[in-house]
Structure formats: structure tokens, C-alpha cells
Amino acid sequence: PPGFAQRVMGLPMQRKLMLAGGIAAIFVI
């Protein structure tokens, strides 16, 4: 099975944006 980075790179652009927004929200909190 591919690694986490490979899975993220394989996601659609919309999924990537949602994931980035969630990580940014965690840092802000």
C-alpha cells in the first residue's frame, strides 16, 4: 500500500483544500 503522502497527493483538489482547512483550523484553535 502507498504511504500517507502518496494518498494525499492522489486525492482530488477539493479534498486537498478541505484537509488543509481542517489542519489550519486546528492550529488556530
PDB file of all heavy atoms in Angstrom:
ATOM      1  N   PRO A   1       0.831  -1.216   0.000  1.00  0.00           N
ATOM      2  CA  PRO A   1       0.000   0.000   0.000  1.00  0.00           C
ATOM      3  C   PRO A   1       0.857   1.254   0.000  1.00  0.00           C
ATOM      4  O   PRO A   1       1.927   1.293   0.616  1.00  0.00           O
ATOM      5  CB  PRO A   1      -0.804  -0.134   1.308  1.00  0.00           C
ATOM      6  CG  PRO A   1      -0.004  -1.058   2.169  1.00  0.00           C
ATOM      7  CD  PRO A   1       0.674  -2.001   1.230  1.00  0.00           C
ATOM      8  N   PRO A   2       0.406   2.314  -0.683  1.00  0.00           N
ATOM      9  CA  PRO A   2       1.187   3.559  -0.736  1.00  0.00           C
ATOM     10  C   PRO A   2       1.197   4.255   0.613  1.00  0.00           C
ATOM     11  O   PRO A   2       0.318   4.035   1.465  1.00  0.00           O
ATOM     12  CB  PRO A   2       0.454   4.383  -1.794  1.00  0.00           C
ATOM     13  CG  PRO A   2      -0.946   3.863  -1.771  1.00  0.00           C
ATOM     14  CD  PRO A   2      -0.834   2.412  -1.459  1.00  0.00           C
ATOM     15  N   GLY A   3       2.149   5.195   0.852  1.00  0.00           N
ATOM     16  CA  GLY A   3       2.255   5.936   2.090  1.00  0.00           C
ATOM     17  C   GLY A   3       1.213   7.043   2.197  1.00  0.00           C
ATOM     18  O   GLY A   3       0.434   7.283   1.274  1.00  0.00           O
ATOM     19  N   PHE A   4       1.203   7.804   3.392  1.00  0.00           N
ATOM     20  CA  PHE A   4       0.216   8.860   3.625  1.00  0.00           C
ATOM     21  C   PHE A   4       0.370   9.994   2.629  1.00  0.00           C
ATOM     22  O   PHE A   4      -0.615  10.526   2.104  1.00  0.00           O
ATOM     23  CB  PHE A   4       0.366   9.385   5.057  1.00  0.00           C
ATOM     24  CG  PHE A   4      -0.567  10.515   5.380  1.00  0.00           C
ATOM     25  CD1 PHE A   4      -1.919  10.271   5.625  1.00  0.00           C
ATOM     26  CD2 PHE A   4      -0.107  11.826   5.414  1.00  0.00           C
ATOM     27  CE1 PHE A   4      -2.788  11.320   5.920  1.00  0.00           C
ATOM     28  CE2 PHE A   4      -0.969  12.864   5.703  1.00  0.00           C
ATOM     29  CZ  PHE A   4      -2.308  12.609   5.961  1.00  0.00           C
ATOM     30  N   ALA A   5       1.633  10.370   2.363  1.00  0.00           N
ATOM     31  CA  ALA A   5       1.866  11.472   1.423  1.00  0.00           C
ATOM     32  C   ALA A   5       1.363  11.123   0.030  1.00  0.00           C
ATOM     33  O   ALA A   5       0.781  11.962  -0.672  1.00  0.00           O
ATOM     34  CB  ALA A   5       3.344  11.820   1.391  1.00  0.00           C
ATOM     35  N   GLN A   6       1.580   9.859  -0.362  1.00  0.00           N
ATOM     36  CA  GLN A   6       1.112   9.434  -1.677  1.00  0.00           C
ATOM     37  C   GLN A   6      -0.410   9.441  -1.741  1.00  0.00           C
ATOM     38  O   GLN A   6      -1.009   9.797  -2.752  1.00  0.00           O
ATOM     39  CB  GLN A   6       1.660   8.045  -1.994  1.00  0.00           C
ATOM     40  CG  GLN A   6       3.193   8.002  -2.142  1.00  0.00           C
ATOM     41  CD  GLN A   6       3.696   6.603  -2.376  1.00  0.00           C
ATOM     42  OE1 GLN A   6       2.932   5.640  -2.298  1.00  0.00           O
ATOM     43  NE2 GLN A   6       4.997   6.489  -2.672  1.00  0.00           N
ATOM     44  N   ARG A   7      -1.053   9.064  -0.644  1.00  0.00           N
ATOM     45  CA  ARG A   7      -2.510   9.086  -0.624  1.00  0.00           C
ATOM     46  C   ARG A   7      -3.045  10.515  -0.739  1.00  0.00           C
ATOM     47  O   ARG A   7      -4.027  10.777  -1.430  1.00  0.00           O
ATOM     48  CB  ARG A   7      -3.025   8.444   0.662  1.00  0.00           C
ATOM     49  CG  ARG A   7      -2.790   6.937   0.747  1.00  0.00           C
ATOM     50  CD  ARG A   7      -3.392   6.382   2.005  1.00  0.00           C
ATOM     51  NE  ARG A   7      -3.180   4.948   2.123  1.00  0.00           N
ATOM     52  CZ  ARG A   7      -3.623   4.194   3.135  1.00  0.00           C
ATOM     53  NH1 ARG A   7      -4.300   4.782   4.122  1.00  0.00           N
ATOM     54  NH2 ARG A   7      -3.401   2.904   3.161  1.00  0.00           N
ATOM     55  N   VAL A   8      -2.401  11.437  -0.013  1.00  0.00           N
ATOM     56  CA  VAL A   8      -2.841  12.834  -0.082  1.00  0.00           C
ATOM     57  C   VAL A   8      -2.672  13.384  -1.484  1.00  0.00           C
ATOM     58  O   VAL A   8      -3.545  14.100  -2.008  1.00  0.00           O
ATOM     59  CB  VAL A   8      -2.077  13.685   0.950  1.00  0.00           C
ATOM     60  CG1 VAL A   8      -2.386  15.175   0.772  1.00  0.00           C
ATOM     61  CG2 VAL A   8      -2.421  13.254   2.361  1.00  0.00           C
ATOM     62  N   MET A   9      -1.543  13.061  -2.094  1.00  0.00           N
ATOM     63  CA  MET A   9      -1.304  13.556  -3.450  1.00  0.00           C
ATOM     64  C   MET A   9      -2.306  12.983  -4.432  1.00  0.00           C
ATOM     65  O   MET A   9      -2.616  13.599  -5.456  1.00  0.00           O
ATOM     66  CB  MET A   9       0.124  13.205  -3.884  1.00  0.00           C
ATOM     67  CG  MET A   9       1.203  13.924  -3.056  1.00  0.00           C
ATOM     68  SD  MET A   9       1.066  15.722  -3.151  1.00  0.00           S
ATOM     69  CE  MET A   9       1.419  15.952  -4.898  1.00  0.00           C
ATOM     70  N   GLY A  10      -2.821  11.822  -4.111  1.00  0.00           N
ATOM     71  CA  GLY A  10      -3.774  11.193  -5.007  1.00  0.00           C
ATOM     72  C   GLY A  10      -5.201  11.664  -4.830  1.00  0.00           C
ATOM     73  O   GLY A  10      -6.084  11.275  -5.609  1.00  0.00           O
ATOM     74  N   LEU A  11      -5.464  12.500  -3.794  1.00  0.00           N
ATOM     75  CA  LEU A  11      -6.819  12.987  -3.570  1.00  0.00           C
ATOM     76  C   LEU A  11      -7.185  14.062  -4.585  1.00  0.00           C
ATOM     77  O   LEU A  11      -6.318  14.769  -5.097  1.00  0.00           O
ATOM     78  CB  LEU A  11      -6.934  13.567  -2.149  1.00  0.00           C
ATOM     79  CG  LEU A  11      -6.841  12.570  -0.991  1.00  0.00           C
ATOM     80  CD1 LEU A  11      -6.861  13.322   0.339  1.00  0.00           C
ATOM     81  CD2 LEU A  11      -7.985  11.560  -1.040  1.00  0.00           C
ATOM     82  N   PRO A  12      -8.480  14.258  -4.833  1.00  0.00           N
ATOM     83  CA  PRO A  12      -8.907  15.362  -5.695  1.00  0.00           C
ATOM     84  C   PRO A  12      -8.587  16.711  -5.054  1.00  0.00           C
ATOM     85  O   PRO A  12      -8.379  16.818  -3.847  1.00  0.00           O
ATOM     86  CB  PRO A  12     -10.424  15.146  -5.828  1.00  0.00           C
ATOM     87  CG  PRO A  12     -10.650  13.719  -5.453  1.00  0.00           C
ATOM     88  CD  PRO A  12      -9.585  13.375  -4.464  1.00  0.00           C
ATOM     89  N   MET A  13      -8.570  17.763  -5.853  1.00  0.00           N
ATOM     90  CA  MET A  13      -8.204  19.079  -5.362  1.00  0.00           C
ATOM     91  C   MET A  13      -9.154  19.572  -4.282  1.00  0.00           C
ATOM     92  O   MET A  13      -8.731  20.199  -3.313  1.00  0.00           O
ATOM     93  CB  MET A  13      -8.205  20.077  -6.536  1.00  0.00           C
ATOM     94  CG  MET A  13      -7.791  21.492  -6.141  1.00  0.00           C
ATOM     95  SD  MET A  13      -6.150  21.550  -5.374  1.00  0.00           S
ATOM     96  CE  MET A  13      -5.147  21.062  -6.780  1.00  0.00           C
ATOM     97  N   GLN A  14     -10.442  19.304  -4.386  1.00  0.00           N
ATOM     98  CA  GLN A  14     -11.406  19.729  -3.387  1.00  0.00           C
ATOM     99  C   GLN A  14     -11.133  19.083  -2.043  1.00  0.00           C
ATOM    100  O   GLN A  14     -11.190  19.727  -0.992  1.00  0.00           O
ATOM    101  CB  GLN A  14     -12.824  19.408  -3.862  1.00  0.00           C
ATOM    102  CG  GLN A  14     -13.916  19.935  -2.927  1.00  0.00           C
ATOM    103  CD  GLN A  14     -15.297  19.656  -3.466  1.00  0.00           C
ATOM    104  OE1 GLN A  14     -15.434  19.023  -4.517  1.00  0.00           O
ATOM    105  NE2 GLN A  14     -16.319  20.112  -2.764  1.00  0.00           N
ATOM    106  N   ARG A  15     -10.804  17.780  -2.060  1.00  0.00           N
ATOM    107  CA  ARG A  15     -10.460  17.082  -0.827  1.00  0.00           C
ATOM    108  C   ARG A  15      -9.182  17.651  -0.205  1.00  0.00           C
ATOM    109  O   ARG A  15      -9.064  17.762   1.016  1.00  0.00           O
ATOM    110  CB  ARG A  15     -10.287  15.591  -1.101  1.00  0.00           C
ATOM    111  CG  ARG A  15     -11.579  14.865  -1.499  1.00  0.00           C
ATOM    112  CD  ARG A  15     -12.467  14.686  -0.287  1.00  0.00           C
ATOM    113  NE  ARG A  15     -13.657  13.919  -0.589  1.00  0.00           N
ATOM    114  CZ  ARG A  15     -13.719  12.592  -0.545  1.00  0.00           C
ATOM    115  NH1 ARG A  15     -12.642  11.893  -0.221  1.00  0.00           N
ATOM    116  NH2 ARG A  15     -14.845  11.961  -0.821  1.00  0.00           N
ATOM    117  N   LYS A  16      -8.223  17.999  -1.046  1.00  0.00           N
ATOM    118  CA  LYS A  16      -6.975  18.584  -0.529  1.00  0.00           C
ATOM    119  C   LYS A  16      -7.242  19.908   0.175  1.00  0.00           C
ATOM    120  O   LYS A  16      -6.685  20.183   1.244  1.00  0.00           O
ATOM    121  CB  LYS A  16      -5.983  18.786  -1.678  1.00  0.00           C
ATOM    122  CG  LYS A  16      -5.425  17.507  -2.270  1.00  0.00           C
ATOM    123  CD  LYS A  16      -4.458  17.832  -3.394  1.00  0.00           C
ATOM    124  CE  LYS A  16      -3.888  16.558  -4.024  1.00  0.00           C
ATOM    125  NZ  LYS A  16      -2.969  16.864  -5.146  1.00  0.00           N
ATOM    126  N   LEU A  17      -8.104  20.742  -0.416  1.00  0.00           N
ATOM    127  CA  LEU A  17      -8.421  22.034   0.202  1.00  0.00           C
ATOM    128  C   LEU A  17      -9.137  21.849   1.531  1.00  0.00           C
ATOM    129  O   LEU A  17      -8.874  22.571   2.504  1.00  0.00           O
ATOM    130  CB  LEU A  17      -9.273  22.868  -0.755  1.00  0.00           C
ATOM    131  CG  LEU A  17      -8.576  23.321  -2.051  1.00  0.00           C
ATOM    132  CD1 LEU A  17      -9.552  24.060  -2.957  1.00  0.00           C
ATOM    133  CD2 LEU A  17      -7.375  24.205  -1.731  1.00  0.00           C
ATOM    134  N   MET A  18     -10.067  20.905   1.595  1.00  0.00           N
ATOM    135  CA  MET A  18     -10.778  20.642   2.844  1.00  0.00           C
ATOM    136  C   MET A  18      -9.828  20.155   3.931  1.00  0.00           C
ATOM    137  O   MET A  18      -9.906  20.571   5.092  1.00  0.00           O
ATOM    138  CB  MET A  18     -11.877  19.623   2.599  1.00  0.00           C
ATOM    139  CG  MET A  18     -13.021  20.125   1.717  1.00  0.00           C
ATOM    140  SD  MET A  18     -14.245  18.844   1.365  1.00  0.00           S
ATOM    141  CE  MET A  18     -14.821  18.478   3.014  1.00  0.00           C
ATOM    142  N   LEU A  19      -8.891  19.286   3.565  1.00  0.00           N
ATOM    143  CA  LEU A  19      -7.923  18.782   4.530  1.00  0.00           C
ATOM    144  C   LEU A  19      -7.016  19.905   5.035  1.00  0.00           C
ATOM    145  O   LEU A  19      -6.729  20.007   6.235  1.00  0.00           O
ATOM    146  CB  LEU A  19      -7.090  17.671   3.884  1.00  0.00           C
ATOM    147  CG  LEU A  19      -6.031  17.012   4.770  1.00  0.00           C
ATOM    148  CD1 LEU A  19      -6.676  16.355   5.985  1.00  0.00           C
ATOM    149  CD2 LEU A  19      -5.229  15.974   3.964  1.00  0.00           C
ATOM    150  N   ALA A  20      -6.577  20.769   4.124  1.00  0.00           N
ATOM    151  CA  ALA A  20      -5.715  21.889   4.526  1.00  0.00           C
ATOM    152  C   ALA A  20      -6.452  22.855   5.441  1.00  0.00           C
ATOM    153  O   ALA A  20      -5.894  23.371   6.417  1.00  0.00           O
ATOM    154  CB  ALA A  20      -5.203  22.617   3.280  1.00  0.00           C
ATOM    155  N   GLY A  21      -7.741  23.105   5.136  1.00  0.00           N
ATOM    156  CA  GLY A  21      -8.529  23.984   6.003  1.00  0.00           C
ATOM    157  C   GLY A  21      -8.715  23.415   7.396  1.00  0.00           C
ATOM    158  O   GLY A  21      -8.665  24.138   8.391  1.00  0.00           O
ATOM    159  N   GLY A  22      -8.937  22.110   7.494  1.00  0.00           N
ATOM    160  CA  GLY A  22      -9.085  21.494   8.805  1.00  0.00           C
ATOM    161  C   GLY A  22      -7.813  21.584   9.629  1.00  0.00           C
ATOM    162  O   GLY A  22      -7.852  21.870  10.829  1.00  0.00           O
ATOM    163  N   ILE A  23      -6.661  21.350   9.000  1.00  0.00           N
ATOM    164  CA  ILE A  23      -5.384  21.450   9.720  1.00  0.00           C
ATOM    165  C   ILE A  23      -5.140  22.880  10.180  1.00  0.00           C
ATOM    166  O   ILE A  23      -4.689  23.137  11.307  1.00  0.00           O
ATOM    167  CB  ILE A  23      -4.240  20.952   8.821  1.00  0.00           C
ATOM    168  CG1 ILE A  23      -4.421  19.452   8.525  1.00  0.00           C
ATOM    169  CG2 ILE A  23      -2.890  21.205   9.484  1.00  0.00           C
ATOM    170  CD1 ILE A  23      -3.412  18.888   7.547  1.00  0.00           C
ATOM    171  N   ALA A  24      -5.461  23.871   9.316  1.00  0.00           N
ATOM    172  CA  ALA A  24      -5.276  25.277   9.687  1.00  0.00           C
ATOM    173  C   ALA A  24      -6.180  25.660  10.857  1.00  0.00           C
ATOM    174  O   ALA A  24      -5.764  26.395  11.764  1.00  0.00           O
ATOM    175  CB  ALA A  24      -5.562  26.173   8.481  1.00  0.00           C
ATOM    176  N   ALA A  25      -7.422  25.144  10.871  1.00  0.00           N
ATOM    177  CA  ALA A  25      -8.342  25.446  11.967  1.00  0.00           C
ATOM    178  C   ALA A  25      -7.822  24.899  13.288  1.00  0.00           C
ATOM    179  O   ALA A  25      -7.934  25.537  14.339  1.00  0.00           O
ATOM    180  CB  ALA A  25      -9.725  24.885  11.657  1.00  0.00           C
ATOM    181  N   ILE A  26      -7.230  23.708  13.252  1.00  0.00           N
ATOM    182  CA  ILE A  26      -6.672  23.120  14.469  1.00  0.00           C
ATOM    183  C   ILE A  26      -5.540  23.982  15.022  1.00  0.00           C
ATOM    184  O   ILE A  26      -5.452  24.243  16.227  1.00  0.00           O
ATOM    185  CB  ILE A  26      -6.187  21.687  14.191  1.00  0.00           C
ATOM    186  CG1 ILE A  26      -7.387  20.780  13.881  1.00  0.00           C
ATOM    187  CG2 ILE A  26      -5.396  21.140  15.375  1.00  0.00           C
ATOM    188  CD1 ILE A  26      -6.993  19.384  13.458  1.00  0.00           C
ATOM    189  N   PHE A  27      -4.683  24.481  14.140  1.00  0.00           N
ATOM    190  CA  PHE A  27      -3.582  25.343  14.578  1.00  0.00           C
ATOM    191  C   PHE A  27      -4.100  26.653  15.155  1.00  0.00           C
ATOM    192  O   PHE A  27      -3.562  27.164  16.144  1.00  0.00           O
ATOM    193  CB  PHE A  27      -2.627  25.617  13.409  1.00  0.00           C
ATOM    194  CG  PHE A  27      -1.625  24.529  13.181  1.00  0.00           C
ATOM    195  CD1 PHE A  27      -1.729  23.673  12.097  1.00  0.00           C
ATOM    196  CD2 PHE A  27      -0.564  24.353  14.063  1.00  0.00           C
ATOM    197  CE1 PHE A  27      -0.805  22.664  11.882  1.00  0.00           C
ATOM    198  CE2 PHE A  27       0.373  23.350  13.861  1.00  0.00           C
ATOM    199  CZ  PHE A  27       0.256  22.501  12.771  1.00  0.00           C
ATOM    200  N   VAL A  28      -5.154  27.229  14.558  1.00  0.00           N
ATOM    201  CA  VAL A  28      -5.719  28.487  15.052  1.00  0.00           C
ATOM    202  C   VAL A  28      -6.306  28.295  16.449  1.00  0.00           C
ATOM    203  O   VAL A  28      -6.101  29.122  17.347  1.00  0.00           O
ATOM    204  CB  VAL A  28      -6.788  29.015  14.079  1.00  0.00           C
ATOM    205  CG1 VAL A  28      -7.559  30.169  14.700  1.00  0.00           C
ATOM    206  CG2 VAL A  28      -6.151  29.468  12.776  1.00  0.00           C
ATOM    207  N   ILE A  29      -7.034  27.219  16.654  1.00  0.00           N
ATOM    208  CA  ILE A  29      -7.616  26.943  17.971  1.00  0.00           C
ATOM    209  C   ILE A  29      -6.521  26.739  19.011  1.00  0.00           C
ATOM    210  O   ILE A  29      -6.602  27.239  20.141  1.00  0.00           O
ATOM    211  CB  ILE A  29      -8.537  25.712  17.896  1.00  0.00           C
ATOM    212  CG1 ILE A  29      -9.749  26.007  17.003  1.00  0.00           C
ATOM    213  CG2 ILE A  29      -8.991  25.287  19.285  1.00  0.00           C
ATOM    214  CD1 ILE A  29     -10.635  24.805  16.746  1.00  0.00           C
TER     215      ILE A  29
END
